[in-house]
Amino acid sequence: MTNYSFLIFEYEIIRRLGRLLDVLLFLSGEVLGLKFKQYEQVKEPEYNQALLYIRDIESYYSTISEYELNVLGALIATSTKPLLEDIHNFQLYLIG
């Protein structure tokens, strides 16, 4: 496989009408799905939603298994406060 990296914004997952990953990033040997939520703190339903999105990417795409790609995910909670005012409120939750 050629060593390219690229990303896709607002990727709709096949077989899951209406399910969108905000960013799907392809790196050498890995796929990273990013889901952004505008919350001060992420709750279990949002975390579970992101887990399901990553599971769907792993399960529904033959290219993932064909090229033995490692699928990772991140749920990123963005604060409702302006970025420059309060940057330390950003949180990152790794999934996968």
PDB file of N, CA and C in Angstrom:
ATOM      1  N   MET A   1       0.845  -1.182   0.000  1.00  0.00           N
ATOM      2  CA  MET A   1       0.000   0.000   0.000  1.00  0.00           C
ATOM      3  C   MET A   1       0.890   1.245   0.000  1.00  0.00           C
ATOM      4  N   THR A   2       0.572   2.185  -0.845  1.00  0.00           N
ATOM      5  CA  THR A   2       1.323   3.426  -0.924  1.00  0.00           C
ATOM      6  C   THR A   2       1.150   4.217   0.367  1.00  0.00           C
ATOM      7  N   ASN A   3       2.187   4.891   0.771  1.00  0.00           N
ATOM      8  CA  ASN A   3       2.196   5.603   2.040  1.00  0.00           C
ATOM      9  C   ASN A   3       1.629   7.014   1.889  1.00  0.00           C
ATOM     10  N   TYR A   4       0.324   7.138   1.813  1.00  0.00           N
ATOM     11  CA  TYR A   4      -0.357   8.421   1.717  1.00  0.00           C
ATOM     12  C   TYR A   4      -1.143   8.679   2.998  1.00  0.00           C
ATOM     13  N   SER A   5      -1.343   9.937   3.301  1.00  0.00           N
ATOM     14  CA  SER A   5      -2.217  10.339   4.398  1.00  0.00           C
ATOM     15  C   SER A   5      -3.254  11.302   3.832  1.00  0.00           C
ATOM     16  N   PHE A   6      -4.492  11.168   4.298  1.00  0.00           N
ATOM     17  CA  PHE A   6      -5.531  12.093   3.866  1.00  0.00           C
ATOM     18  C   PHE A   6      -6.644  12.102   4.892  1.00  0.00           C
ATOM     19  N   LEU A   7      -7.512  13.097   4.789  1.00  0.00           N
ATOM     20  CA  LEU A   7      -8.642  13.153   5.719  1.00  0.00           C
ATOM     21  C   LEU A   7      -9.917  13.493   4.982  1.00  0.00           C
ATOM     22  N   ILE A   8     -11.016  13.077   5.598  1.00  0.00           N
ATOM     23  CA  ILE A   8     -12.353  13.308   5.059  1.00  0.00           C
ATOM     24  C   ILE A   8     -13.177  13.969   6.163  1.00  0.00           C
ATOM     25  N   PHE A   9     -13.867  15.036   5.817  1.00  0.00           N
ATOM     26  CA  PHE A   9     -14.743  15.717   6.770  1.00  0.00           C
ATOM     27  C   PHE A   9     -16.174  15.226   6.608  1.00  0.00           C
ATOM     28  N   GLU A  10     -16.895  15.127   7.719  1.00  0.00           N
ATOM     29  CA  GLU A  10     -18.298  14.729   7.760  1.00  0.00           C
ATOM     30  C   GLU A  10     -18.567  13.474   6.931  1.00  0.00           C
ATOM     31  N   TYR A  11     -17.900  12.414   7.323  1.00  0.00           N
ATOM     32  CA  TYR A  11     -17.986  11.134   6.625  1.00  0.00           C
ATOM     33  C   TYR A  11     -19.219  10.367   7.090  1.00  0.00           C
ATOM     34  N   GLU A  12     -20.081  10.020   6.148  1.00  0.00           N
ATOM     35  CA  GLU A  12     -21.284   9.244   6.475  1.00  0.00           C
ATOM     36  C   GLU A  12     -20.959   7.758   6.420  1.00  0.00           C
ATOM     37  N   ILE A  13     -21.226   7.069   7.513  1.00  0.00           N
ATOM     38  CA  ILE A  13     -20.922   5.645   7.627  1.00  0.00           C
ATOM     39  C   ILE A  13     -21.968   4.843   6.855  1.00  0.00           C
ATOM     40  N   ILE A  14     -21.487   3.940   5.993  1.00  0.00           N
ATOM     41  CA  ILE A  14     -22.416   3.127   5.210  1.00  0.00           C
ATOM     42  C   ILE A  14     -23.244   2.240   6.138  1.00  0.00           C
ATOM     43  N   ARG A  15     -24.437   1.915   5.696  1.00  0.00           N
ATOM     44  CA  ARG A  15     -25.397   1.085   6.443  1.00  0.00           C
ATOM     45  C   ARG A  15     -25.904   1.743   7.712  1.00  0.00           C
ATOM     46  N   ARG A  16     -25.514   2.960   7.982  1.00  0.00           N
ATOM     47  CA  ARG A  16     -25.940   3.667   9.195  1.00  0.00           C
ATOM     48  C   ARG A  16     -26.388   5.072   8.798  1.00  0.00           C
ATOM     49  N   LEU A  17     -27.525   5.134   8.153  1.00  0.00           N
ATOM     50  CA  LEU A  17     -28.046   6.393   7.642  1.00  0.00           C
ATOM     51  C   LEU A  17     -28.054   7.478   8.716  1.00  0.00           C
ATOM     52  N   GLY A  18     -27.424   8.581   8.421  1.00  0.00           N
ATOM     53  CA  GLY A  18     -27.411   9.702   9.338  1.00  0.00           C
ATOM     54  C   GLY A  18     -26.258   9.712  10.320  1.00  0.00           C
ATOM     55  N   ARG A  19     -25.477   8.641  10.369  1.00  0.00           N
ATOM     56  CA  ARG A  19     -24.322   8.618  11.276  1.00  0.00           C
ATOM     57  C   ARG A  19     -23.134   9.262  10.570  1.00  0.00           C
ATOM     58  N   LEU A  20     -22.639  10.322  11.172  1.00  0.00           N
ATOM     59  CA  LEU A  20     -21.510  11.044  10.589  1.00  0.00           C
ATOM     60  C   LEU A  20     -20.352  11.115  11.569  1.00  0.00           C
ATOM     61  N   LEU A  21     -19.174  10.785  11.075  1.00  0.00           N
ATOM     62  CA  LEU A  21     -17.950  11.077  11.814  1.00  0.00           C
ATOM     63  C   LEU A  21     -17.499  12.451  11.347  1.00  0.00           C
ATOM     64  N   ASP A  22     -17.122  13.306  12.259  1.00  0.00           N
ATOM     65  CA  ASP A  22     -16.727  14.654  11.877  1.00  0.00           C
ATOM     66  C   ASP A  22     -15.467  14.645  11.021  1.00  0.00           C
ATOM     67  N   VAL A  23     -14.515  13.797  11.382  1.00  0.00           N
ATOM     68  CA  VAL A  23     -13.272  13.690  10.621  1.00  0.00           C
ATOM     69  C   VAL A  23     -12.855  12.226  10.582  1.00  0.00           C
ATOM     70  N   LEU A  24     -12.466  11.760   9.410  1.00  0.00           N
ATOM     71  CA  LEU A  24     -11.878  10.436   9.249  1.00  0.00           C
ATOM     72  C   LEU A  24     -10.490  10.664   8.663  1.00  0.00           C
ATOM     73  N   LEU A  25      -9.470  10.334   9.436  1.00  0.00           N
ATOM     74  CA  LEU A  25      -8.089  10.611   9.077  1.00  0.00           C
ATOM     75  C   LEU A  25      -7.381   9.297   8.773  1.00  0.00           C
ATOM     76  N   PHE A  26      -6.835   9.201   7.569  1.00  0.00           N
ATOM     77  CA  PHE A  26      -6.100   8.012   7.149  1.00  0.00           C
ATOM     78  C   PHE A  26      -4.606   8.309   7.224  1.00  0.00           C
ATOM     79  N   LEU A  27      -3.917   7.510   8.017  1.00  0.00           N
ATOM     80  CA  LEU A  27      -2.467   7.615   8.159  1.00  0.00           C
ATOM     81  C   LEU A  27      -1.867   6.286   7.728  1.00  0.00           C
ATOM     82  N   SER A  28      -0.586   6.214   7.661  1.00  0.00           N
ATOM     83  CA  SER A  28       0.070   4.977   7.272  1.00  0.00           C
ATOM     84  C   SER A  28      -0.275   3.861   8.261  1.00  0.00           C
ATOM     85  N   GLY A  29      -1.093   2.912   7.833  1.00  0.00           N
ATOM     86  CA  GLY A  29      -1.455   1.769   8.663  1.00  0.00           C
ATOM     87  C   GLY A  29      -2.539   2.019   9.688  1.00  0.00           C
ATOM     88  N   GLU A  30      -3.087   3.238   9.743  1.00  0.00           N
ATOM     89  CA  GLU A  30      -4.098   3.558  10.749  1.00  0.00           C
ATOM     90  C   GLU A  30      -5.211   4.419  10.176  1.00  0.00           C
ATOM     91  N   VAL A  31      -6.360   4.287  10.813  1.00  0.00           N
ATOM     92  CA  VAL A  31      -7.503   5.145  10.516  1.00  0.00           C
ATOM     93  C   VAL A  31      -7.951   5.729  11.847  1.00  0.00           C
ATOM     94  N   LEU A  32      -8.094   7.033  11.891  1.00  0.00           N
ATOM     95  CA  LEU A  32      -8.512   7.711  13.113  1.00  0.00           C
ATOM     96  C   LEU A  32      -9.827   8.432  12.854  1.00  0.00           C
ATOM     97  N   GLY A  33     -10.850   8.051  13.612  1.00  0.00           N
ATOM     98  CA  GLY A  33     -12.151   8.711  13.522  1.00  0.00           C
ATOM     99  C   GLY A  33     -12.291   9.722  14.646  1.00  0.00           C
ATOM    100  N   LEU A  34     -12.665  10.948  14.296  1.00  0.00           N
ATOM    101  CA  LEU A  34     -12.826  12.003  15.295  1.00  0.00           C
ATOM    102  C   LEU A  34     -14.282  12.453  15.338  1.00  0.00           C
ATOM    103  N   LYS A  35     -14.824  12.534  16.533  1.00  0.00           N
ATOM    104  CA  LYS A  35     -16.180  13.036  16.751  1.00  0.00           C
ATOM    105  C   LYS A  35     -16.085  14.186  17.738  1.00  0.00           C
ATOM    106  N   PHE A  36     -16.602  15.339  17.353  1.00  0.00           N
ATOM    107  CA  PHE A  36     -16.570  16.524  18.210  1.00  0.00           C
ATOM    108  C   PHE A  36     -17.943  16.750  18.818  1.00  0.00           C
ATOM    109  N   LYS A  37     -17.968  17.064  20.097  1.00  0.00           N
ATOM    110  CA  LYS A  37     -19.209  17.392  20.803  1.00  0.00           C
ATOM    111  C   LYS A  37     -18.996  18.684  21.574  1.00  0.00           C
ATOM    112  N   GLN A  38     -19.956  19.582  21.486  1.00  0.00           N
ATOM    113  CA  GLN A  38     -19.826  20.854  22.184  1.00  0.00           C
ATOM    114  C   GLN A  38     -20.469  20.743  23.561  1.00  0.00           C
ATOM    115  N   TYR A  39     -19.718  20.170  24.477  1.00  0.00           N
ATOM    116  CA  TYR A  39     -20.159  19.985  25.847  1.00  0.00           C
ATOM    117  C   TYR A  39     -19.012  20.348  26.781  1.00  0.00           C
ATOM    118  N   GLU A  40     -19.361  20.709  27.978  1.00  0.00           N
ATOM    119  CA  GLU A  40     -18.328  20.926  28.995  1.00  0.00           C
ATOM    120  C   GLU A  40     -17.737  19.579  29.421  1.00  0.00           C
ATOM    121  N   GLN A  41     -18.582  18.551  29.449  1.00  0.00           N
ATOM    122  CA  GLN A  41     -18.155  17.221  29.849  1.00  0.00           C
ATOM    123  C   GLN A  41     -18.950  16.199  29.044  1.00  0.00           C
ATOM    124  N   VAL A  42     -18.287  15.164  28.601  1.00  0.00           N
ATOM    125  CA  VAL A  42     -18.944  14.131  27.801  1.00  0.00           C
ATOM    126  C   VAL A  42     -19.623  13.135  28.735  1.00  0.00           C
ATOM    127  N   LYS A  43     -20.846  12.754  28.377  1.00  0.00           N
ATOM    128  CA  LYS A  43     -21.602  11.770  29.152  1.00  0.00           C
ATOM    129  C   LYS A  43     -21.582  10.431  28.422  1.00  0.00           C
ATOM    130  N   GLU A  44     -22.018   9.407  29.097  1.00  0.00           N
ATOM    131  CA  GLU A  44     -21.950   8.045  28.565  1.00  0.00           C
ATOM    132  C   GLU A  44     -22.617   7.873  27.194  1.00  0.00           C
ATOM    133  N   PRO A  45     -23.798   8.452  26.923  1.00  0.00           N
ATOM    134  CA  PRO A  45     -24.400   8.262  25.596  1.00  0.00           C
ATOM    135  C   PRO A  45     -23.520   8.783  24.445  1.00  0.00           C
ATOM    136  N   GLU A  46     -22.850   9.897  24.642  1.00  0.00           N
ATOM    137  CA  GLU A  46     -21.981  10.429  23.591  1.00  0.00           C
ATOM    138  C   GLU A  46     -20.750   9.537  23.405  1.00  0.00           C
ATOM    139  N   TYR A  47     -20.226   9.056  24.510  1.00  0.00           N
ATOM    140  CA  TYR A  47     -19.080   8.149  24.460  1.00  0.00           C
ATOM    141  C   TYR A  47     -19.464   6.862  23.723  1.00  0.00           C
ATOM    142  N   ASN A  48     -20.627   6.308  24.058  1.00  0.00           N
ATOM    143  CA  ASN A  48     -21.098   5.085  23.398  1.00  0.00           C
ATOM    144  C   ASN A  48     -21.334   5.305  21.911  1.00  0.00           C
ATOM    145  N   GLN A  49     -21.877   6.472  21.552  1.00  0.00           N
ATOM    146  CA  GLN A  49     -22.095   6.792  20.140  1.00  0.00           C
ATOM    147  C   GLN A  49     -20.770   6.765  19.375  1.00  0.00           C
ATOM    148  N   ALA A  50     -19.753   7.368  19.928  1.00  0.00           N
ATOM    149  CA  ALA A  50     -18.446   7.381  19.276  1.00  0.00           C
ATOM    150  C   ALA A  50     -17.873   5.967  19.169  1.00  0.00           C
ATOM    151  N   LEU A  51     -18.044   5.159  20.209  1.00  0.00           N
ATOM    152  CA  LEU A  51     -17.589   3.758  20.160  1.00  0.00           C
ATOM    153  C   LEU A  51     -18.271   2.998  19.023  1.00  0.00           C
ATOM    154  N   LEU A  52     -19.583   3.214  18.858  1.00  0.00           N
ATOM    155  CA  LEU A  52     -20.319   2.546  17.787  1.00  0.00           C
ATOM    156  C   LEU A  52     -19.838   2.983  16.414  1.00  0.00           C
ATOM    157  N   TYR A  53     -19.530   4.243  16.261  1.00  0.00           N
ATOM    158  CA  TYR A  53     -19.017   4.736  14.979  1.00  0.00           C
ATOM    159  C   TYR A  53     -17.707   4.036  14.619  1.00  0.00           C
ATOM    160  N   ILE A  54     -16.822   3.897  15.597  1.00  0.00           N
ATOM    161  CA  ILE A  54     -15.542   3.246  15.353  1.00  0.00           C
ATOM    162  C   ILE A  54     -15.759   1.763  15.055  1.00  0.00           C
ATOM    163  N   ARG A  55     -16.654   1.132  15.788  1.00  0.00           N
ATOM    164  CA  ARG A  55     -16.979  -0.281  15.519  1.00  0.00           C
ATOM    165  C   ARG A  55     -17.504  -0.447  14.100  1.00  0.00           C
ATOM    166  N   ASP A  56     -18.373   0.483  13.670  1.00  0.00           N
ATOM    167  CA  ASP A  56     -18.921   0.412  12.321  1.00  0.00           C
ATOM    168  C   ASP A  56     -17.837   0.536  11.261  1.00  0.00           C
ATOM    169  N   ILE A  57     -16.903   1.433  11.467  1.00  0.00           N
ATOM    170  CA  ILE A  57     -15.792   1.585  10.527  1.00  0.00           C
ATOM    171  C   ILE A  57     -14.994   0.284  10.442  1.00  0.00           C
ATOM    172  N   GLU A  58     -14.725  -0.335  11.580  1.00  0.00           N
ATOM    173  CA  GLU A  58     -13.982  -1.601  11.599  1.00  0.00           C
ATOM    174  C   GLU A  58     -14.761  -2.727  10.928  1.00  0.00           C
ATOM    175  N   SER A  59     -16.082  -2.745  11.100  1.00  0.00           N
ATOM    176  CA  SER A  59     -16.907  -3.869  10.669  1.00  0.00           C
ATOM    177  C   SER A  59     -17.366  -3.803   9.217  1.00  0.00           C
ATOM    178  N   TYR A  60     -17.631  -2.637   8.690  1.00  0.00           N
ATOM    179  CA  TYR A  60     -18.320  -2.524   7.406  1.00  0.00           C
ATOM    180  C   TYR A  60     -17.420  -2.256   6.210  1.00  0.00           C
ATOM    181  N   TYR A  61     -16.142  -2.134   6.416  1.00  0.00           N
ATOM    182  CA  TYR A  61     -15.256  -1.802   5.304  1.00  0.00           C
ATOM    183  C   TYR A  61     -14.205  -2.883   5.124  1.00  0.00           C
ATOM    184  N   SER A  62     -14.279  -3.594   3.995  1.00  0.00           N
ATOM    185  CA  SER A  62     -13.344  -4.685   3.735  1.00  0.00           C
ATOM    186  C   SER A  62     -11.917  -4.178   3.583  1.00  0.00           C
ATOM    187  N   THR A  63     -11.757  -2.928   3.171  1.00  0.00           N
ATOM    188  CA  THR A  63     -10.417  -2.358   3.009  1.00  0.00           C
ATOM    189  C   THR A  63      -9.663  -2.313   4.336  1.00  0.00           C
ATOM    190  N   ILE A  64     -10.406  -2.077   5.428  1.00  0.00           N
ATOM    191  CA  ILE A  64      -9.780  -2.027   6.752  1.00  0.00           C
ATOM    192  C   ILE A  64      -9.086  -3.353   7.057  1.00  0.00           C
ATOM    193  N   SER A  65      -9.780  -4.466   6.851  1.00  0.00           N
ATOM    194  CA  SER A  65      -9.172  -5.771   7.134  1.00  0.00           C
ATOM    195  C   SER A  65      -8.194  -6.185   6.031  1.00  0.00           C
ATOM    196  N   GLU A  66      -8.506  -5.841   4.796  1.00  0.00           N
ATOM    197  CA  GLU A  66      -7.628  -6.211   3.686  1.00  0.00           C
ATOM    198  C   GLU A  66      -6.222  -5.631   3.860  1.00  0.00           C
ATOM    199  N   TYR A  67      -6.147  -4.395   4.292  1.00  0.00           N
ATOM    200  CA  TYR A  67      -4.852  -3.738   4.472  1.00  0.00           C
ATOM    201  C   TYR A  67      -4.383  -3.731   5.933  1.00  0.00           C
ATOM    202  N   GLU A  68      -5.115  -4.471   6.776  1.00  0.00           N
ATOM    203  CA  GLU A  68      -4.768  -4.598   8.197  1.00  0.00           C
ATOM    204  C   GLU A  68      -4.553  -3.240   8.863  1.00  0.00           C
ATOM    205  N   LEU A  69      -5.509  -2.354   8.649  1.00  0.00           N
ATOM    206  CA  LEU A  69      -5.430  -1.016   9.224  1.00  0.00           C
ATOM    207  C   LEU A  69      -5.899  -1.038  10.673  1.00  0.00           C
ATOM    208  N   ASN A  70      -5.218  -0.319  11.514  1.00  0.00           N
ATOM    209  CA  ASN A  70      -5.582  -0.171  12.916  1.00  0.00           C
ATOM    210  C   ASN A  70      -6.575   0.992  13.012  1.00  0.00           C
ATOM    211  N   VAL A  71      -7.753   0.738  13.551  1.00  0.00           N
ATOM    212  CA  VAL A  71      -8.789   1.774  13.657  1.00  0.00           C
ATOM    213  C   VAL A  71      -8.824   2.308  15.089  1.00  0.00           C
ATOM    214  N   LEU A  72      -8.683   3.617  15.211  1.00  0.00           N
ATOM    215  CA  LEU A  72      -8.727   4.299  16.501  1.00  0.00           C
ATOM    216  C   LEU A  72      -9.781   5.391  16.429  1.00  0.00           C
ATOM    217  N   GLY A  73     -10.212   5.829  17.579  1.00  0.00           N
ATOM    218  CA  GLY A  73     -11.193   6.904  17.601  1.00  0.00           C
ATOM    219  C   GLY A  73     -10.931   7.869  18.723  1.00  0.00           C
ATOM    220  N   ALA A  74     -11.423   9.062  18.556  1.00  0.00           N
ATOM    221  CA  ALA A  74     -11.317  10.067  19.606  1.00  0.00           C
ATOM    222  C   ALA A  74     -12.608  10.852  19.659  1.00  0.00           C
ATOM    223  N   LEU A  75     -13.108  11.014  20.856  1.00  0.00           N
ATOM    224  CA  LEU A  75     -14.261  11.863  21.109  1.00  0.00           C
ATOM    225  C   LEU A  75     -13.718  13.131  21.744  1.00  0.00           C
ATOM    226  N   ILE A  76     -13.950  14.244  21.102  1.00  0.00           N
ATOM    227  CA  ILE A  76     -13.367  15.504  21.550  1.00  0.00           C
ATOM    228  C   ILE A  76     -14.481  16.423  22.026  1.00  0.00           C
ATOM    229  N   ALA A  77     -14.442  16.720  23.306  1.00  0.00           N
ATOM    230  CA  ALA A  77     -15.441  17.613  23.898  1.00  0.00           C
ATOM    231  C   ALA A  77     -14.898  19.032  23.856  1.00  0.00           C
ATOM    232  N   THR A  78     -15.619  19.890  23.175  1.00  0.00           N
ATOM    233  CA  THR A  78     -15.188  21.285  23.093  1.00  0.00           C
ATOM    234  C   THR A  78     -16.028  22.111  24.046  1.00  0.00           C
ATOM    235  N   SER A  79     -15.395  22.991  24.732  1.00  0.00           N
ATOM    236  CA  SER A  79     -16.077  23.858  25.688  1.00  0.00           C
ATOM    237  C   SER A  79     -17.002  24.823  24.953  1.00  0.00           C
ATOM    238  N   THR A  80     -18.027  25.291  25.623  1.00  0.00           N
ATOM    239  CA  THR A  80     -18.921  26.286  25.029  1.00  0.00           C
ATOM    240  C   THR A  80     -18.342  27.682  25.168  1.00  0.00           C
ATOM    241  N   LYS A  81     -17.253  27.818  25.926  1.00  0.00           N
ATOM    242  CA  LYS A  81     -16.600  29.108  26.091  1.00  0.00           C
ATOM    243  C   LYS A  81     -15.694  29.371  24.894  1.00  0.00           C
ATOM    244  N   PRO A  82     -15.451  30.621  24.564  1.00  0.00           N
ATOM    245  CA  PRO A  82     -14.557  30.929  23.437  1.00  0.00           C
ATOM    246  C   PRO A  82     -13.165  30.331  23.642  1.00  0.00           C
ATOM    247  N   LEU A  83     -12.587  29.848  22.565  1.00  0.00           N
ATOM    248  CA  LEU A  83     -11.298  29.165  22.610  1.00  0.00           C
ATOM    249  C   LEU A  83     -10.205  30.012  23.257  1.00  0.00           C
ATOM    250  N   LEU A  84     -10.084  31.258  22.866  1.00  0.00           N
ATOM    251  CA  LEU A  84      -8.995  32.081  23.387  1.00  0.00           C
ATOM    252  C   LEU A  84      -9.203  32.460  24.849  1.00  0.00           C
ATOM    253  N   GLU A  85     -10.440  32.419  25.303  1.00  0.00           N
ATOM    254  CA  GLU A  85     -10.736  32.792  26.682  1.00  0.00           C
ATOM    255  C   GLU A  85     -10.377  31.684  27.662  1.00  0.00           C
ATOM    256  N   ASP A  86     -10.600  30.427  27.254  1.00  0.00           N
ATOM    257  CA  ASP A  86     -10.495  29.337  28.229  1.00  0.00           C
ATOM    258  C   ASP A  86     -10.065  28.040  27.553  1.00  0.00           C
ATOM    259  N   ILE A  87      -8.888  28.001  26.984  1.00  0.00           N
ATOM    260  CA  ILE A  87      -8.449  26.846  26.214  1.00  0.00           C
ATOM    261  C   ILE A  87      -8.261  25.593  27.063  1.00  0.00           C
ATOM    262  N   HIS A  88      -8.006  25.711  28.349  1.00  0.00           N
ATOM    263  CA  HIS A  88      -7.756  24.532  29.183  1.00  0.00           C
ATOM    264  C   HIS A  88      -9.009  23.691  29.423  1.00  0.00           C
ATOM    265  N   ASN A  89     -10.176  24.119  28.978  1.00  0.00           N
ATOM    266  CA  ASN A  89     -11.398  23.324  29.149  1.00  0.00           C
ATOM    267  C   ASN A  89     -11.587  22.268  28.068  1.00  0.00           C
ATOM    268  N   PHE A  90     -10.684  22.185  27.101  1.00  0.00           N
ATOM    269  CA  PHE A  90     -10.821  21.165  26.069  1.00  0.00           C
ATOM    270  C   PHE A  90     -10.377  19.831  26.626  1.00  0.00           C
ATOM    271  N   GLN A  91     -11.123  18.791  26.285  1.00  0.00           N
ATOM    272  CA  GLN A  91     -10.844  17.454  26.783  1.00  0.00           C
ATOM    273  C   GLN A  91     -10.711  16.505  25.609  1.00  0.00           C
ATOM    274  N   LEU A  92      -9.917  15.490  25.764  1.00  0.00           N
ATOM    275  CA  LEU A  92      -9.742  14.477  24.723  1.00  0.00           C
ATOM    276  C   LEU A  92      -9.958  13.106  25.348  1.00  0.00           C
ATOM    277  N   TYR A  93     -10.837  12.335  24.745  1.00  0.00           N
ATOM    278  CA  TYR A  93     -11.099  10.984  25.201  1.00  0.00           C
ATOM    279  C   TYR A  93     -10.682  10.033  24.084  1.00  0.00           C
ATOM    280  N   LEU A  94      -9.747   9.155  24.352  1.00  0.00           N
ATOM    281  CA  LEU A  94      -9.315   8.203  23.351  1.00  0.00           C
ATOM    282  C   LEU A  94     -10.184   6.961  23.414  1.00  0.00           C
ATOM    283  N   ILE A  95     -10.519   6.474  22.257  1.00  0.00           N
ATOM    284  CA  ILE A  95     -11.387   5.307  22.138  1.00  0.00           C
ATOM    285  C   ILE A  95     -10.682   4.295  21.271  1.00  0.00           C
ATOM    286  N   GLY A  96     -10.831   3.053  21.593  1.00  0.00           N
ATOM    287  CA  GLY A  96     -10.312   2.041  20.690  1.00  0.00           C
ATOM    288  C   GLY A  96      -9.282   1.155  21.311  1.00  0.00           C
TER     289      GLY A  96
END
